[in-house]
Protein backbone atom coordinates (compact mmCIF):
# COMPACT_ATOMS: atom_id res chain seq x y z
CA UNK A 1 6.05 5.13 91.12
CA UNK A 2 6.82 1.82 89.52
CA UNK A 3 8.77 1.87 86.27
CA UNK A 4 6.67 0.07 83.66
CA UNK A 5 8.21 1.29 80.41
CA UNK A 6 11.49 2.65 79.08
CA UNK A 7 10.08 6.18 78.61
CA UNK A 8 9.42 6.38 82.36
CA UNK A 9 12.97 5.34 83.17
CA UNK A 10 14.30 7.94 80.73
CA UNK A 11 12.05 10.60 82.29
CA UNK A 12 13.29 9.72 85.77
CA UNK A 13 16.91 9.77 84.59
CA UNK A 14 16.45 13.23 83.10
CA UNK A 15 14.89 14.67 86.28
CA UNK A 16 17.48 12.91 88.44
CA UNK A 17 20.38 14.26 86.39
CA UNK A 18 19.00 17.78 86.86
CA UNK A 19 18.86 17.56 90.67
CA UNK A 20 22.14 15.62 90.92
CA UNK A 21 24.08 18.11 88.80
CA UNK A 22 22.54 21.04 90.69
CA UNK A 23 23.53 19.55 94.08
CA UNK A 24 27.07 18.82 92.90
CA UNK A 25 27.54 22.35 91.55
CA UNK A 26 26.04 24.00 94.65
CA UNK A 27 28.48 22.11 96.88
CA UNK A 28 31.37 23.27 94.69
CA UNK A 29 30.06 26.87 94.64
CA UNK A 30 29.59 27.21 98.43
CA UNK A 31 32.23 29.40 100.02
CA UNK A 32 33.02 31.23 103.25
CA UNK A 33 31.37 34.68 103.39
CA UNK A 34 28.52 33.73 101.04
CA UNK A 35 24.89 33.90 102.14
CA UNK A 36 22.70 30.81 101.90
CA UNK A 37 20.32 32.88 99.73
CA UNK A 38 23.09 33.50 97.18
CA UNK A 39 23.88 29.77 97.16
CA UNK A 40 20.18 28.97 96.73
CA UNK A 41 19.78 31.36 93.81
CA UNK A 42 22.80 29.80 92.10
CA UNK A 43 21.11 26.40 92.41
CA UNK A 44 17.81 27.84 91.13
CA UNK A 45 19.56 29.09 87.98
CA UNK A 46 20.95 25.63 87.26
CA UNK A 47 17.56 23.96 87.76
CA UNK A 48 16.01 26.59 85.48
CA UNK A 49 18.60 25.86 82.78
CA UNK A 50 17.42 22.24 82.83
CA UNK A 51 13.80 23.38 82.62
CA UNK A 52 13.23 21.92 86.11
CA UNK A 53 11.06 23.41 88.87
CA UNK A 54 11.88 23.38 92.58
CA UNK A 55 9.86 20.61 94.23
CA UNK A 56 9.53 22.13 97.74
CA UNK A 57 8.49 25.47 96.24
CA UNK A 58 6.02 23.82 93.85
CA UNK A 59 4.56 21.35 96.35
CA UNK A 60 4.60 23.22 99.66
CA UNK A 61 5.21 26.87 98.80
CA UNK A 62 8.65 26.65 100.49
CA UNK A 63 10.21 30.16 100.74
CA UNK A 64 13.28 29.27 98.66
CA UNK A 65 14.26 26.94 95.84
CA UNK A 66 16.42 24.46 97.76
CA UNK A 67 16.61 23.54 101.45
CA UNK A 68 19.93 24.75 102.90
CA UNK A 69 20.54 23.93 106.56
CA UNK A 70 23.57 25.04 108.55
CA UNK A 71 25.05 23.65 111.79
CA UNK A 72 22.29 23.04 114.37
CA UNK A 73 19.61 23.22 111.62
CA UNK A 74 18.96 19.57 110.76
CA UNK A 75 16.95 20.09 107.57
CA UNK A 76 14.42 22.26 105.70
CA UNK A 77 16.53 25.36 106.40
CA UNK A 78 15.26 28.49 104.61
CA UNK A 79 17.88 30.27 102.45
CA UNK A 80 18.56 33.73 103.88
CA UNK A 81 20.63 36.82 103.14
CA UNK A 82 21.41 36.94 106.86
CA UNK A 83 22.88 33.43 107.09
CA UNK A 84 26.53 33.83 106.13
CA UNK A 85 28.62 30.70 105.68
CA UNK A 86 31.69 30.32 107.90
CA UNK A 87 34.79 28.14 108.07
CA UNK A 88 33.95 24.66 109.35
CA UNK A 89 30.18 25.00 108.96
CA UNK A 90 28.24 21.75 108.64
CA UNK A 91 26.01 22.40 105.64
CA UNK A 92 23.18 20.30 104.25
CA UNK A 93 21.76 20.97 100.79
CA UNK A 94 18.65 19.13 99.66
CA UNK A 95 17.72 19.52 95.99
CA UNK A 96 14.47 18.12 94.62
CA UNK A 97 12.68 19.10 91.43
CA UNK A 98 10.04 18.33 88.83
CA UNK A 99 10.96 18.01 85.16
CA UNK A 100 8.46 17.08 82.45
CA UNK A 101 6.17 15.34 84.93
CA UNK A 102 8.90 13.40 86.75
CA UNK A 103 10.23 14.18 90.23
CA UNK A 104 13.65 13.42 91.74
CA UNK A 105 15.30 14.16 95.07
CA UNK A 106 18.85 14.12 96.48
CA UNK A 107 20.83 15.70 99.28
CA UNK A 108 24.20 15.84 100.99
CA UNK A 109 25.90 17.18 104.08
CA UNK A 110 29.47 18.48 103.94
CA UNK A 111 31.96 20.55 105.92
CA UNK A 112 32.88 23.94 104.44
CA UNK A 113 36.64 24.57 104.42
CA UNK A 114 38.67 23.28 107.37
CA UNK A 115 36.97 20.84 109.73
CA UNK A 116 37.50 23.12 112.75
CA UNK A 117 34.49 21.72 114.65
CA UNK A 118 35.16 18.02 113.92
CA UNK A 119 32.00 17.37 111.89
CA UNK A 120 33.71 15.26 109.22
CA UNK A 121 33.36 12.01 111.18
CA UNK A 122 29.56 12.48 111.24
CA UNK A 123 29.48 13.33 107.51
CA UNK A 124 31.57 10.27 106.63
CA UNK A 125 29.35 8.02 108.76
CA UNK A 126 26.22 9.24 106.95
CA UNK A 127 27.80 8.60 103.53
CA UNK A 128 29.12 5.15 104.45
CA UNK A 129 25.78 4.11 105.95
CA UNK A 130 23.84 5.23 102.87
CA UNK A 131 26.21 3.29 100.63
CA UNK A 132 25.80 0.18 102.79
CA UNK A 133 21.99 0.53 102.83
CA UNK A 134 21.85 0.84 99.03
CA UNK A 135 24.00 -2.29 98.68
CA UNK A 136 21.32 -4.25 100.57
CA UNK A 137 18.19 -2.93 98.82
CA UNK A 138 16.54 -5.14 96.23
CA UNK A 139 13.09 -6.47 95.46
CA UNK A 140 11.67 -8.55 98.33
CA UNK A 141 13.88 -7.07 101.07
CA UNK A 142 11.96 -5.84 104.12
CA UNK A 143 11.88 -2.06 104.42
CA UNK A 144 12.26 -2.38 108.22
CA UNK A 145 15.43 -4.47 107.77
CA UNK A 146 17.11 -1.58 105.93
CA UNK A 147 16.01 0.73 108.75
CA UNK A 148 17.57 -1.68 111.24
CA UNK A 149 20.81 -1.76 109.23
CA UNK A 150 21.00 2.05 109.21
CA UNK A 151 20.34 2.30 112.96
CA UNK A 152 22.84 -0.47 113.79
CA UNK A 153 25.57 1.10 111.65
CA UNK A 154 24.97 4.50 113.26
CA UNK A 155 25.23 3.02 116.77
CA UNK A 156 28.46 1.22 115.84
CA UNK A 157 29.98 4.59 115.03
CA UNK A 158 28.70 6.26 118.21
CA UNK A 159 25.78 8.09 116.56
CA UNK A 160 21.98 8.05 116.70
CA UNK A 161 19.27 8.17 114.04
CA UNK A 162 16.37 10.58 113.71
CA UNK A 163 13.12 8.67 114.17
CA UNK A 164 10.61 11.09 112.70
CA UNK A 165 12.26 11.58 109.30
CA UNK A 166 12.53 9.00 106.55
CA UNK A 167 12.95 8.27 102.88
CA UNK A 168 9.97 7.95 100.54
CA UNK A 169 8.62 6.81 97.23
CA UNK A 170 8.94 9.36 94.44
CA UNK A 171 8.38 9.69 90.70
CA UNK A 172 5.12 11.36 89.67
CA UNK A 173 5.09 13.56 92.77
CA UNK A 174 7.60 14.43 95.50
CA UNK A 175 6.28 12.03 98.15
CA UNK A 176 4.62 8.77 97.18
CA UNK A 177 4.17 5.27 98.58
CA UNK A 178 6.08 3.57 100.03
CA UNK A 179 6.37 6.50 102.46
CA UNK A 180 8.16 6.62 105.81
CA UNK A 181 11.24 4.57 104.94
CA UNK A 182 12.60 5.05 108.43
CA UNK A 183 16.17 4.84 109.75
CA UNK A 184 15.29 2.30 112.46
CA UNK A 185 13.56 -1.08 112.72
CA UNK A 186 9.81 -0.76 113.05
CA UNK A 187 8.75 -4.31 113.89
CA UNK A 188 5.17 -3.53 112.83
CA UNK A 189 6.26 -2.59 109.31
CA UNK A 190 5.92 -5.71 107.17
CA UNK A 191 6.32 -3.94 103.81
CA UNK A 192 8.98 -5.03 101.33
CA UNK A 193 10.79 -3.20 98.55
CA UNK A 194 9.24 -3.96 95.18
CA UNK A 195 11.17 -4.43 91.97
CA UNK A 196 10.94 -1.37 89.64
CA UNK A 197 9.81 0.93 92.48
CA UNK A 198 11.40 4.41 92.53
CA UNK A 199 12.38 5.51 96.03
CA UNK A 200 14.46 8.21 97.67
CA UNK A 201 16.67 6.62 100.32
CA UNK A 202 18.15 9.01 102.88
CA UNK A 203 20.13 8.81 106.09
CA UNK A 204 19.47 11.03 109.12
CA UNK A 205 22.51 10.44 111.36
CA UNK A 206 22.75 12.50 114.53
CA UNK A 207 25.15 13.23 117.39
CA UNK A 208 22.63 13.69 120.21
CA UNK A 209 19.00 13.91 119.10
CA UNK A 210 16.54 11.20 118.07
CA UNK A 211 13.68 13.47 116.99
CA UNK A 212 13.36 16.80 115.22
CA UNK A 213 11.30 19.81 116.25
CA UNK A 214 10.12 22.67 114.05
CA UNK A 215 11.26 26.24 114.65
CA UNK A 216 8.86 29.19 114.67
CA UNK A 217 9.56 29.86 110.98
CA UNK A 218 7.33 26.86 110.22
CA UNK A 219 10.00 25.04 108.21
CA UNK A 220 13.41 24.59 109.83
CA UNK A 221 13.89 21.42 111.86
CA UNK A 222 16.35 21.15 114.76
CA UNK A 223 17.16 18.30 117.17
CA UNK A 224 15.06 17.69 120.30
CA UNK A 225 18.32 17.33 122.26
CA UNK A 226 20.46 19.65 120.14
CA UNK A 227 23.63 18.50 118.45
CA UNK A 228 24.17 18.03 114.72
CA UNK A 229 22.84 15.84 111.94
CA UNK A 230 24.17 14.67 108.57
CA UNK A 231 21.99 13.51 105.68
CA UNK A 232 22.81 11.90 102.33
CA UNK A 233 20.19 10.92 99.79
CA UNK A 234 19.89 9.19 96.44
CA UNK A 235 16.87 8.51 94.22
CA UNK A 236 17.02 4.89 93.06
CA UNK A 237 15.14 2.23 91.12
CA UNK A 238 14.80 -1.07 93.00
CA UNK A 239 15.86 -4.13 90.96
CA UNK A 240 16.46 -7.86 91.61
CA UNK A 241 20.11 -6.99 92.22
CA UNK A 242 21.95 -3.71 92.85
CA UNK A 243 19.66 -0.68 92.56
CA UNK A 244 19.93 1.80 89.70
CA UNK A 245 21.20 4.99 91.38
CA UNK A 246 19.46 7.66 89.31
CA UNK A 247 21.19 10.57 91.08
CA UNK A 248 24.68 9.07 90.86
CA UNK A 249 25.91 12.18 89.01
CA UNK A 250 25.92 14.13 92.30
CA UNK A 251 29.17 12.36 93.24
CA UNK A 252 28.40 12.24 96.96
CA UNK A 253 30.31 8.96 97.34
CA UNK A 254 33.43 10.38 95.65
């Protein structure tokens, strides 16, 4: 959506605060020995307290409230009683929701407990690259140039990007135009970021794979060449200068 009046900005801030606070609290709540279903239900309670509804559940009938992916699961992982969190797990939580007609989205990857499998370098790269990308987004900037920046920064750090996942417009529904804000330079994409547009910008930084494939459960995505992936995501409003980070409350840059 494009923000045209103050009430729309306030609506987006309210929805964004709900998902940002939920993500932050879920990360804090995650612990070794807990199932991903228990973690998901904790997040669902927080969203409910805000009066917010799970976006993936509402839009796609996702079998959970939040996407929780562990280790070789890249994203869209289904919360399960059988998936028990362990020391050093690479966990991704993606929280998106609708509140009073406005939709917001954010996500983060993190290492649970001690970094016994050396995933922290990947997590840090994803965070740093998202921060750098946001610093370069403003009205008039080519969408493909931000994709090129993300891909270049990933390569510098010895990582790859996933080429069939991208950020997206958001606001009055979960996925809006501009869609497919990819993490690489598509030379055929001549679109530019527009001032006042609301977009979800997300990194998909990977150790080995460049594409994702869906598992038989119909939801979970894994890498075409295995390995691991880290994702960080903010919902923002594009301006003439630095973007307004609507989901800043999640503290993923802290």
